[in-house]
Amino acid sequence: MAFEAFVSPLSWQQVSLLLDTVQYFEDAPKLLSLPQEQGAAVPVPITSDTLKLMLGCLDEEEAFSRKAFSLRWETAGDEASGFLVVELPNGDTVRQPAVLSAFSPV
């Protein structure tokens, strides 16, 4: 399920909606499809904590202004678990541990 590194241009409004979706499915985590600059959307195992950090980099006053988030997957020992690594527009990096079997397709 690992994916190639990609850049997702997201706005405050989009990240806010993604956060609402993830919180709705908190008891049954889902893979969220994030848009990439080129090509089809990519299913990503992302949690509400990570989305909250992403939202914190965006300005609600510019709700439709997009900023680039770089996402990649780092495998940890086996194919079933690893880290979702998100490089935020402010230069910070989030390393979210994830067990892929815990996330189901939407």
N, C-alpha and C. Protein backbone atom coordinates (compact mmCIF):
# COMPACT_ATOMS: atom_id res chain seq x y z
N MET A 1 0.84 -1.20 0.00
CA MET A 1 0.00 0.00 0.00
C MET A 1 0.87 1.24 0.00
N ALA A 2 2.16 1.07 0.28
CA ALA A 2 3.03 2.24 0.30
C ALA A 2 2.87 3.04 -0.99
N PHE A 3 3.11 4.33 -0.91
CA PHE A 3 2.91 5.18 -2.08
C PHE A 3 4.18 5.98 -2.35
N GLU A 4 4.28 6.45 -3.58
CA GLU A 4 5.41 7.30 -3.96
C GLU A 4 5.22 8.67 -3.29
N ALA A 5 6.32 9.32 -3.00
CA ALA A 5 6.26 10.67 -2.43
C ALA A 5 5.53 11.59 -3.41
N PHE A 6 4.73 12.50 -2.88
CA PHE A 6 4.01 13.44 -3.74
C PHE A 6 3.76 14.75 -3.00
N VAL A 7 3.39 15.76 -3.76
CA VAL A 7 3.06 17.07 -3.20
C VAL A 7 1.56 17.28 -3.38
N SER A 8 0.91 17.67 -2.27
CA SER A 8 -0.53 17.93 -2.31
C SER A 8 -0.78 19.40 -2.01
N PRO A 9 -1.31 20.15 -2.99
CA PRO A 9 -1.64 21.56 -2.75
C PRO A 9 -3.02 21.64 -2.08
N LEU A 10 -3.04 22.04 -0.82
CA LEU A 10 -4.30 22.04 -0.06
C LEU A 10 -4.59 23.42 0.52
N SER A 11 -5.88 23.73 0.61
CA SER A 11 -6.32 24.99 1.19
C SER A 11 -6.85 24.75 2.61
N TRP A 12 -7.04 25.83 3.36
CA TRP A 12 -7.61 25.73 4.71
C TRP A 12 -8.95 25.00 4.65
N GLN A 13 -9.77 25.36 3.66
CA GLN A 13 -11.10 24.76 3.55
C GLN A 13 -10.99 23.25 3.33
N GLN A 14 -10.09 22.82 2.45
CA GLN A 14 -9.94 21.39 2.17
C GLN A 14 -9.47 20.62 3.41
N VAL A 15 -8.45 21.14 4.09
CA VAL A 15 -7.91 20.45 5.26
C VAL A 15 -8.97 20.41 6.37
N SER A 16 -9.75 21.47 6.50
CA SER A 16 -10.82 21.51 7.49
C SER A 16 -11.86 20.42 7.21
N LEU A 17 -12.23 20.26 5.94
CA LEU A 17 -13.20 19.21 5.57
C LEU A 17 -12.61 17.82 5.79
N LEU A 18 -11.33 17.63 5.46
CA LEU A 18 -10.67 16.34 5.69
C LEU A 18 -10.65 16.01 7.19
N LEU A 19 -10.38 17.02 8.01
CA LEU A 19 -10.36 16.82 9.46
C LEU A 19 -11.75 16.40 9.96
N ASP A 20 -12.80 17.07 9.47
CA ASP A 20 -14.17 16.68 9.85
C ASP A 20 -14.44 15.22 9.47
N THR A 21 -13.99 14.82 8.29
CA THR A 21 -14.21 13.45 7.82
C THR A 21 -13.50 12.45 8.72
N VAL A 22 -12.22 12.72 9.03
CA VAL A 22 -11.43 11.82 9.87
C VAL A 22 -12.04 11.72 11.27
N GLN A 23 -12.48 12.84 11.82
CA GLN A 23 -13.07 12.82 13.16
C GLN A 23 -14.38 12.02 13.16
N TYR A 24 -15.12 12.08 12.06
CA TYR A 24 -16.37 11.32 11.95
C TYR A 24 -16.08 9.82 11.99
N PHE A 25 -14.96 9.41 11.39
CA PHE A 25 -14.59 7.98 11.32
C PHE A 25 -13.53 7.60 12.35
N GLU A 26 -13.43 8.36 13.45
CA GLU A 26 -12.37 8.16 14.44
C GLU A 26 -12.27 6.71 14.92
N ASP A 27 -13.40 6.04 15.08
CA ASP A 27 -13.38 4.66 15.57
C ASP A 27 -13.04 3.64 14.49
N ALA A 28 -13.10 4.06 13.24
CA ALA A 28 -12.79 3.17 12.11
C ALA A 28 -11.99 3.97 11.09
N PRO A 29 -10.68 4.13 11.34
CA PRO A 29 -9.87 4.99 10.47
C PRO A 29 -9.96 4.60 8.99
N LYS A 30 -9.98 5.62 8.15
CA LYS A 30 -10.09 5.44 6.70
C LYS A 30 -8.86 6.01 6.01
N LEU A 31 -8.55 5.45 4.84
CA LEU A 31 -7.55 6.05 3.97
C LEU A 31 -8.21 7.25 3.29
N LEU A 32 -7.61 8.42 3.41
CA LEU A 32 -8.17 9.60 2.77
C LEU A 32 -7.46 9.84 1.45
N SER A 33 -8.21 10.13 0.42
CA SER A 33 -7.61 10.43 -0.88
C SER A 33 -7.24 11.90 -0.93
N LEU A 34 -5.93 12.15 -1.03
CA LEU A 34 -5.45 13.53 -1.11
C LEU A 34 -5.05 13.84 -2.55
N PRO A 35 -5.41 15.03 -3.02
CA PRO A 35 -5.05 15.39 -4.39
C PRO A 35 -3.54 15.61 -4.50
N GLN A 36 -2.99 15.29 -5.66
CA GLN A 36 -1.59 15.62 -5.90
C GLN A 36 -1.51 16.59 -7.07
N GLU A 37 -0.36 17.25 -7.18
CA GLU A 37 -0.21 18.26 -8.24
C GLU A 37 -0.47 17.68 -9.62
N GLN A 38 0.05 16.47 -9.85
CA GLN A 38 -0.10 15.82 -11.15
C GLN A 38 -0.68 14.43 -10.92
N GLY A 39 -1.73 14.07 -11.65
CA GLY A 39 -2.24 12.71 -11.57
C GLY A 39 -3.37 12.52 -10.59
N ALA A 40 -3.68 11.24 -10.36
CA ALA A 40 -4.83 10.87 -9.53
C ALA A 40 -4.56 11.11 -8.05
N ALA A 41 -5.63 11.20 -7.27
CA ALA A 41 -5.51 11.36 -5.82
C ALA A 41 -4.86 10.10 -5.22
N VAL A 42 -4.21 10.27 -4.07
CA VAL A 42 -3.47 9.19 -3.43
C VAL A 42 -4.12 8.86 -2.08
N PRO A 43 -4.47 7.57 -1.84
CA PRO A 43 -5.04 7.19 -0.54
C PRO A 43 -3.94 7.17 0.53
N VAL A 44 -4.17 7.92 1.61
CA VAL A 44 -3.16 8.12 2.65
C VAL A 44 -3.73 7.79 4.02
N PRO A 45 -2.97 7.05 4.87
CA PRO A 45 -3.42 6.76 6.24
C PRO A 45 -3.10 7.94 7.14
N ILE A 46 -4.06 8.85 7.31
CA ILE A 46 -3.79 10.09 8.04
C ILE A 46 -4.73 10.22 9.23
N THR A 47 -4.21 10.76 10.33
CA THR A 47 -5.01 10.89 11.55
C THR A 47 -5.43 12.34 11.79
N SER A 48 -6.37 12.51 12.71
CA SER A 48 -6.84 13.87 13.01
C SER A 48 -5.72 14.72 13.60
N ASP A 49 -4.81 14.13 14.39
CA ASP A 49 -3.71 14.91 14.96
C ASP A 49 -2.84 15.51 13.87
N THR A 50 -2.54 14.71 12.83
CA THR A 50 -1.73 15.19 11.72
C THR A 50 -2.47 16.29 10.96
N LEU A 51 -3.76 16.08 10.72
CA LEU A 51 -4.55 17.09 10.00
C LEU A 51 -4.65 18.39 10.79
N LYS A 52 -4.72 18.30 12.12
CA LYS A 52 -4.77 19.52 12.95
C LYS A 52 -3.48 20.32 12.80
N LEU A 53 -2.33 19.62 12.74
CA LEU A 53 -1.05 20.30 12.54
C LEU A 53 -1.00 20.94 11.15
N MET A 54 -1.54 20.23 10.16
CA MET A 54 -1.58 20.78 8.80
C MET A 54 -2.47 22.03 8.76
N LEU A 55 -3.62 21.95 9.43
CA LEU A 55 -4.55 23.07 9.45
C LEU A 55 -3.92 24.29 10.11
N GLY A 56 -3.09 24.03 11.13
CA GLY A 56 -2.41 25.11 11.85
C GLY A 56 -1.45 25.91 10.98
N CYS A 57 -1.04 25.36 9.84
CA CYS A 57 -0.13 26.06 8.91
C CYS A 57 -0.88 26.93 7.92
N LEU A 58 -2.19 26.83 7.93
CA LEU A 58 -3.00 27.54 6.94
C LEU A 58 -3.79 28.65 7.62
N ASP A 59 -4.14 29.65 6.86
CA ASP A 59 -4.83 30.82 7.38
C ASP A 59 -6.31 30.78 6.99
N GLU A 60 -7.18 30.75 7.99
CA GLU A 60 -8.62 30.71 7.72
C GLU A 60 -9.06 31.95 6.94
N GLU A 61 -8.34 33.06 7.11
CA GLU A 61 -8.67 34.29 6.38
C GLU A 61 -8.47 34.11 4.87
N GLU A 62 -7.61 33.16 4.52
CA GLU A 62 -7.36 32.85 3.10
C GLU A 62 -7.79 31.40 2.86
N ALA A 63 -9.06 31.11 3.12
CA ALA A 63 -9.59 29.75 3.16
C ALA A 63 -9.40 28.97 1.86
N PHE A 64 -9.29 29.67 0.72
CA PHE A 64 -9.19 28.97 -0.56
C PHE A 64 -7.78 29.03 -1.16
N SER A 65 -6.86 29.66 -0.44
CA SER A 65 -5.47 29.76 -0.89
C SER A 65 -4.76 28.44 -0.58
N ARG A 66 -4.15 27.83 -1.60
CA ARG A 66 -3.52 26.51 -1.43
C ARG A 66 -2.04 26.65 -1.09
N LYS A 67 -1.58 25.74 -0.24
CA LYS A 67 -0.16 25.64 0.07
C LYS A 67 0.26 24.20 -0.16
N ALA A 68 1.54 24.02 -0.47
CA ALA A 68 2.05 22.69 -0.81
C ALA A 68 2.48 21.90 0.43
N PHE A 69 1.94 20.71 0.57
CA PHE A 69 2.34 19.75 1.60
C PHE A 69 3.01 18.58 0.90
N SER A 70 4.22 18.22 1.33
CA SER A 70 4.93 17.08 0.75
C SER A 70 4.67 15.87 1.64
N LEU A 71 4.21 14.77 1.02
CA LEU A 71 3.90 13.56 1.77
C LEU A 71 4.71 12.39 1.24
N ARG A 72 5.16 11.53 2.15
CA ARG A 72 5.84 10.31 1.74
C ARG A 72 5.61 9.25 2.81
N TRP A 73 5.89 8.00 2.43
CA TRP A 73 5.70 6.85 3.31
C TRP A 73 7.07 6.26 3.62
N GLU A 74 7.34 6.04 4.90
CA GLU A 74 8.57 5.35 5.31
C GLU A 74 8.16 4.03 5.96
N THR A 75 8.61 2.93 5.38
CA THR A 75 8.29 1.61 5.92
C THR A 75 9.13 1.36 7.16
N ALA A 76 8.52 0.75 8.18
CA ALA A 76 9.23 0.44 9.42
C ALA A 76 9.35 -1.08 9.56
N GLY A 77 10.45 -1.62 9.08
CA GLY A 77 10.70 -3.04 9.26
C GLY A 77 9.87 -3.96 8.37
N ASP A 78 8.56 -3.88 8.49
CA ASP A 78 7.70 -4.72 7.65
C ASP A 78 6.81 -3.83 6.79
N GLU A 79 6.17 -4.43 5.81
CA GLU A 79 5.34 -3.66 4.88
C GLU A 79 4.07 -3.13 5.52
N ALA A 80 3.67 -3.72 6.65
CA ALA A 80 2.37 -3.41 7.24
C ALA A 80 2.35 -2.15 8.10
N SER A 81 3.52 -1.66 8.46
CA SER A 81 3.53 -0.47 9.32
C SER A 81 4.67 0.45 8.91
N GLY A 82 4.56 1.69 9.38
CA GLY A 82 5.59 2.67 9.05
C GLY A 82 5.17 4.05 9.51
N PHE A 83 5.65 5.04 8.78
CA PHE A 83 5.37 6.43 9.14
C PHE A 83 4.88 7.20 7.92
N LEU A 84 3.82 7.97 8.13
CA LEU A 84 3.40 8.96 7.16
C LEU A 84 4.21 10.20 7.51
N VAL A 85 5.02 10.67 6.58
CA VAL A 85 5.86 11.84 6.82
C VAL A 85 5.29 12.99 6.01
N VAL A 86 4.91 14.07 6.71
CA VAL A 86 4.32 15.23 6.05
C VAL A 86 5.22 16.44 6.31
N GLU A 87 5.72 17.02 5.22
CA GLU A 87 6.49 18.25 5.34
C GLU A 87 5.51 19.41 5.17
N LEU A 88 5.41 20.23 6.23
CA LEU A 88 4.45 21.33 6.25
C LEU A 88 5.03 22.55 5.54
N PRO A 89 4.15 23.44 5.05
CA PRO A 89 4.62 24.64 4.35
C PRO A 89 5.49 25.54 5.23
N ASN A 90 5.38 25.42 6.56
CA ASN A 90 6.17 26.28 7.45
C ASN A 90 7.56 25.69 7.73
N GLY A 91 7.87 24.53 7.09
CA GLY A 91 9.19 23.93 7.26
C GLY A 91 9.24 22.81 8.29
N ASP A 92 8.20 22.68 9.12
CA ASP A 92 8.15 21.60 10.11
C ASP A 92 7.84 20.27 9.42
N THR A 93 8.20 19.17 10.09
CA THR A 93 7.91 17.84 9.58
C THR A 93 7.14 17.05 10.63
N VAL A 94 6.07 16.39 10.19
CA VAL A 94 5.27 15.53 11.06
C VAL A 94 5.57 14.09 10.68
N ARG A 95 5.91 13.25 11.68
CA ARG A 95 6.10 11.81 11.45
C ARG A 95 5.01 11.07 12.22
N GLN A 96 4.00 10.64 11.49
CA GLN A 96 2.86 9.96 12.11
C GLN A 96 3.01 8.45 11.92
N PRO A 97 3.13 7.69 13.04
CA PRO A 97 3.17 6.23 12.90
C PRO A 97 1.82 5.71 12.42
N ALA A 98 1.84 4.66 11.61
CA ALA A 98 0.59 4.10 11.11
C ALA A 98 0.75 2.60 10.86
N VAL A 99 -0.27 1.84 11.24
CA VAL A 99 -0.36 0.44 10.88
C VAL A 99 -1.41 0.38 9.77
N LEU A 100 -0.96 0.00 8.58
CA LEU A 100 -1.83 0.11 7.40
C LEU A 100 -3.12 -0.71 7.54
N SER A 101 -3.06 -1.85 8.21
CA SER A 101 -4.26 -2.69 8.34
C SER A 101 -5.34 -2.03 9.19
N ALA A 102 -4.98 -0.98 9.95
CA ALA A 102 -5.97 -0.28 10.77
C ALA A 102 -6.81 0.69 9.95
N PHE A 103 -6.38 0.97 8.72
CA PHE A 103 -7.08 1.93 7.86
C PHE A 103 -7.77 1.20 6.73
N SER A 104 -9.05 1.51 6.52
CA SER A 104 -9.77 0.89 5.41
C SER A 104 -10.10 1.95 4.36
N PRO A 105 -10.31 1.52 3.10
CA PRO A 105 -10.69 2.50 2.07
C PRO A 105 -12.03 3.14 2.40
N VAL A 106 -12.19 4.39 1.99
CA VAL A 106 -13.46 5.12 2.23
C VAL A 106 -14.53 4.51 1.34
